[in-house]
Amino acid sequence: MLSRTADHLFWMARYMERAENTARMLDIDMEGALLPQTPEQAARSHRSVLKISELEEMFDERHPGSRSRDDMLHFMVADARNPSSILSCLQATRENARAVRGTLTTESWETINFT
């Protein structure tokens, strides 16, 4: 019982951390997009987010030939088929939190649900 609870708490925190790291990478990419750059430099910058996350192949399978920033953002933020998207990570966080609801404080549970 204890190891199952510890496992769920570990993965809950890990998925939350992954969502936060992805959001930070995308924020840095968006700030960089405000700088003057050629379209090739912008595309390379957006692809770097996918490379860092090791999701370039999966993105190319779902969006063949796409260099669009909007496609990359949707893939990294809201694509439910991408297990590393922010949406997927937050859903996994909530599922792990739900499994150990009795061990979480009310504030933690409400924060996870609010997020």
C-alpha atoms as a PDB file:
ATOM      1  CA  MET A   1       0.000   0.000   0.000  1.00  0.00           C
ATOM      2  CA  LEU A   2       2.749   2.437   0.962  1.00  0.00           C
ATOM      3  CA  SER A   3       4.791   1.783  -2.171  1.00  0.00           C
ATOM      4  CA  ARG A   4       1.706   2.263  -4.383  1.00  0.00           C
ATOM      5  CA  THR A   5       0.993   5.596  -2.702  1.00  0.00           C
ATOM      6  CA  ALA A   6       4.618   6.659  -3.060  1.00  0.00           C
ATOM      7  CA  ASP A   7       4.547   5.631  -6.728  1.00  0.00           C
ATOM      8  CA  HIS A   8       1.444   7.738  -7.430  1.00  0.00           C
ATOM      9  CA  LEU A   9       2.876  10.729  -5.557  1.00  0.00           C
ATOM     10  CA  PHE A  10       6.163  10.433  -7.455  1.00  0.00           C
ATOM     11  CA  TRP A  11       4.452  10.305 -10.871  1.00  0.00           C
ATOM     12  CA  MET A  12       2.013  13.053  -9.930  1.00  0.00           C
ATOM     13  CA  ALA A  13       4.941  15.361  -9.175  1.00  0.00           C
ATOM     14  CA  ARG A  14       6.913  14.175 -12.212  1.00  0.00           C
ATOM     15  CA  TYR A  15       4.065  14.892 -14.636  1.00  0.00           C
ATOM     16  CA  MET A  16       3.488  18.310 -13.072  1.00  0.00           C
ATOM     17  CA  GLU A  17       7.199  19.068 -13.419  1.00  0.00           C
ATOM     18  CA  ARG A  18       7.154  17.942 -17.062  1.00  0.00           C
ATOM     19  CA  ALA A  19       4.194  20.225 -17.813  1.00  0.00           C
ATOM     20  CA  GLU A  20       5.987  23.142 -16.156  1.00  0.00           C
ATOM     21  CA  ASN A  21       9.234  22.499 -18.056  1.00  0.00           C
ATOM     22  CA  THR A  22       7.374  22.313 -21.364  1.00  0.00           C
ATOM     23  CA  ALA A  23       5.585  25.577 -20.599  1.00  0.00           C
ATOM     24  CA  ARG A  24       8.923  27.247 -19.786  1.00  0.00           C
ATOM     25  CA  MET A  25      10.506  26.024 -23.035  1.00  0.00           C
ATOM     26  CA  LEU A  26       7.543  27.320 -25.028  1.00  0.00           C
ATOM     27  CA  ASP A  27       7.712  30.653 -23.204  1.00  0.00           C
ATOM     28  CA  ILE A  28      11.383  31.034 -24.118  1.00  0.00           C
ATOM     29  CA  ASP A  29      10.583  30.090 -27.722  1.00  0.00           C
ATOM     30  CA  MET A  30       7.796  32.672 -27.856  1.00  0.00           C
ATOM     31  CA  GLU A  31      10.076  35.380 -26.452  1.00  0.00           C
ATOM     32  CA  GLY A  32      12.699  34.469 -29.058  1.00  0.00           C
ATOM     33  CA  ALA A  33      10.057  34.731 -31.786  1.00  0.00           C
ATOM     34  CA  LEU A  34       9.728  38.432 -30.940  1.00  0.00           C
ATOM     35  CA  LEU A  35      13.320  39.044 -32.032  1.00  0.00           C
ATOM     36  CA  PRO A  36      14.071  39.898 -35.646  1.00  0.00           C
ATOM     37  CA  GLN A  37      14.861  36.703 -37.531  1.00  0.00           C
ATOM     38  CA  THR A  38      14.480  35.074 -40.908  1.00  0.00           C
ATOM     39  CA  PRO A  39      11.708  32.512 -41.479  1.00  0.00           C
ATOM     40  CA  GLU A  40      14.364  29.770 -41.560  1.00  0.00           C
ATOM     41  CA  GLN A  41      15.716  30.852 -38.173  1.00  0.00           C
ATOM     42  CA  ALA A  42      12.197  30.926 -36.736  1.00  0.00           C
ATOM     43  CA  ALA A  43      11.445  27.412 -38.054  1.00  0.00           C
ATOM     44  CA  ARG A  44      14.762  26.135 -36.638  1.00  0.00           C
ATOM     45  CA  SER A  45      13.920  27.678 -33.287  1.00  0.00           C
ATOM     46  CA  HIS A  46      10.513  25.988 -33.152  1.00  0.00           C
ATOM     47  CA  ARG A  47      12.029  22.663 -34.201  1.00  0.00           C
ATOM     48  CA  SER A  48      14.558  22.952 -31.377  1.00  0.00           C
ATOM     49  CA  VAL A  49      11.724  22.700 -28.843  1.00  0.00           C
ATOM     50  CA  LEU A  50      10.692  19.414 -30.450  1.00  0.00           C
ATOM     51  CA  LYS A  51      14.300  18.173 -30.556  1.00  0.00           C
ATOM     52  CA  ILE A  52      14.900  18.977 -26.889  1.00  0.00           C
ATOM     53  CA  SER A  53      11.765  17.055 -25.970  1.00  0.00           C
ATOM     54  CA  GLU A  54      12.698  14.205 -28.334  1.00  0.00           C
ATOM     55  CA  LEU A  55       9.318  14.589 -30.058  1.00  0.00           C
ATOM     56  CA  GLU A  56      10.484  15.547 -33.536  1.00  0.00           C
ATOM     57  CA  GLU A  57       9.620  12.165 -35.094  1.00  0.00           C
ATOM     58  CA  MET A  58       6.161  12.044 -33.506  1.00  0.00           C
ATOM     59  CA  PHE A  59       5.447  15.605 -34.649  1.00  0.00           C
ATOM     60  CA  ASP A  60       6.566  14.800 -38.205  1.00  0.00           C
ATOM     61  CA  GLU A  61       4.278  11.748 -38.272  1.00  0.00           C
ATOM     62  CA  ARG A  62       1.279  13.829 -37.221  1.00  0.00           C
ATOM     63  CA  HIS A  63       2.151  16.985 -39.186  1.00  0.00           C
ATOM     64  CA  PRO A  64       4.156  15.903 -42.254  1.00  0.00           C
ATOM     65  CA  GLY A  65       6.156  18.740 -43.754  1.00  0.00           C
ATOM     66  CA  SER A  66       4.841  21.312 -41.280  1.00  0.00           C
ATOM     67  CA  ARG A  67       7.094  24.155 -40.172  1.00  0.00           C
ATOM     68  CA  SER A  68       4.220  26.075 -38.605  1.00  0.00           C
ATOM     69  CA  ARG A  69       4.654  27.522 -35.148  1.00  0.00           C
ATOM     70  CA  ASP A  70       0.919  27.072 -34.532  1.00  0.00           C
ATOM     71  CA  ASP A  71       1.122  23.350 -35.307  1.00  0.00           C
ATOM     72  CA  MET A  72       4.093  22.986 -32.968  1.00  0.00           C
ATOM     73  CA  LEU A  73       2.322  24.928 -30.200  1.00  0.00           C
ATOM     74  CA  HIS A  74      -0.850  22.874 -30.500  1.00  0.00           C
ATOM     75  CA  PHE A  75       1.192  19.665 -30.493  1.00  0.00           C
ATOM     76  CA  MET A  76       3.159  20.678 -27.390  1.00  0.00           C
ATOM     77  CA  VAL A  77       0.250  22.220 -25.473  1.00  0.00           C
ATOM     78  CA  ALA A  78      -3.072  20.611 -26.326  1.00  0.00           C
ATOM     79  CA  ASP A  79      -2.572  17.451 -28.393  1.00  0.00           C
ATOM     80  CA  ALA A  80      -4.089  14.649 -26.308  1.00  0.00           C
ATOM     81  CA  ARG A  81      -2.298  12.077 -28.518  1.00  0.00           C
ATOM     82  CA  ASN A  82       1.077  13.506 -27.460  1.00  0.00           C
ATOM     83  CA  PRO A  83       1.885  11.974 -24.050  1.00  0.00           C
ATOM     84  CA  SER A  84       4.294  14.851 -23.336  1.00  0.00           C
ATOM     85  CA  SER A  85       1.895  17.701 -24.125  1.00  0.00           C
ATOM     86  CA  ILE A  86       0.954  19.985 -21.275  1.00  0.00           C
ATOM     87  CA  LEU A  87      -2.643  18.750 -21.479  1.00  0.00           C
ATOM     88  CA  SER A  88      -1.599  15.083 -21.257  1.00  0.00           C
ATOM     89  CA  CYS A  89       0.781  15.762 -18.384  1.00  0.00           C
ATOM     90  CA  LEU A  90      -1.873  17.616 -16.411  1.00  0.00           C
ATOM     91  CA  GLN A  91      -4.383  14.818 -17.033  1.00  0.00           C
ATOM     92  CA  ALA A  92      -1.828  12.254 -15.803  1.00  0.00           C
ATOM     93  CA  THR A  93      -1.115  14.469 -12.787  1.00  0.00           C
ATOM     94  CA  ARG A  94      -4.801  14.544 -11.919  1.00  0.00           C
ATOM     95  CA  GLU A  95      -5.220  10.787 -12.351  1.00  0.00           C
ATOM     96  CA  ASN A  96      -2.288  10.093 -10.029  1.00  0.00           C
ATOM     97  CA  ALA A  97      -3.612  12.629  -7.523  1.00  0.00           C
ATOM     98  CA  ARG A  98      -7.063  11.053  -7.671  1.00  0.00           C
ATOM     99  CA  ALA A  99      -5.537   7.653  -6.856  1.00  0.00           C
ATOM    100  CA  VAL A 100      -4.037   9.041  -3.636  1.00  0.00           C
ATOM    101  CA  ARG A 101      -6.701  11.631  -2.833  1.00  0.00           C
ATOM    102  CA  GLY A 102      -6.733  10.589   0.834  1.00  0.00           C
ATOM    103  CA  THR A 103      -3.073  11.514   1.302  1.00  0.00           C
ATOM    104  CA  LEU A 104      -3.251  14.953  -0.323  1.00  0.00           C
ATOM    105  CA  THR A 105      -4.172  18.149   1.439  1.00  0.00           C
ATOM    106  CA  THR A 106      -7.347  19.856   0.338  1.00  0.00           C
ATOM    107  CA  GLU A 107      -5.296  22.746  -1.023  1.00  0.00           C
ATOM    108  CA  SER A 108      -3.173  20.422  -3.177  1.00  0.00           C
ATOM    109  CA  TRP A 109      -6.210  18.612  -4.553  1.00  0.00           C
ATOM    110  CA  GLU A 110      -8.010  21.862  -5.343  1.00  0.00           C
ATOM    111  CA  THR A 111      -4.917  23.363  -6.983  1.00  0.00           C
ATOM    112  CA  ILE A 112      -4.461  20.336  -9.219  1.00  0.00           C
ATOM    113  CA  ASN A 113      -8.123  20.402 -10.213  1.00  0.00           C
ATOM    114  CA  PHE A 114      -8.076  24.154 -10.778  1.00  0.00           C
ATOM    115  CA  THR A 115      -4.982  23.872 -12.970  1.00  0.00           C
END
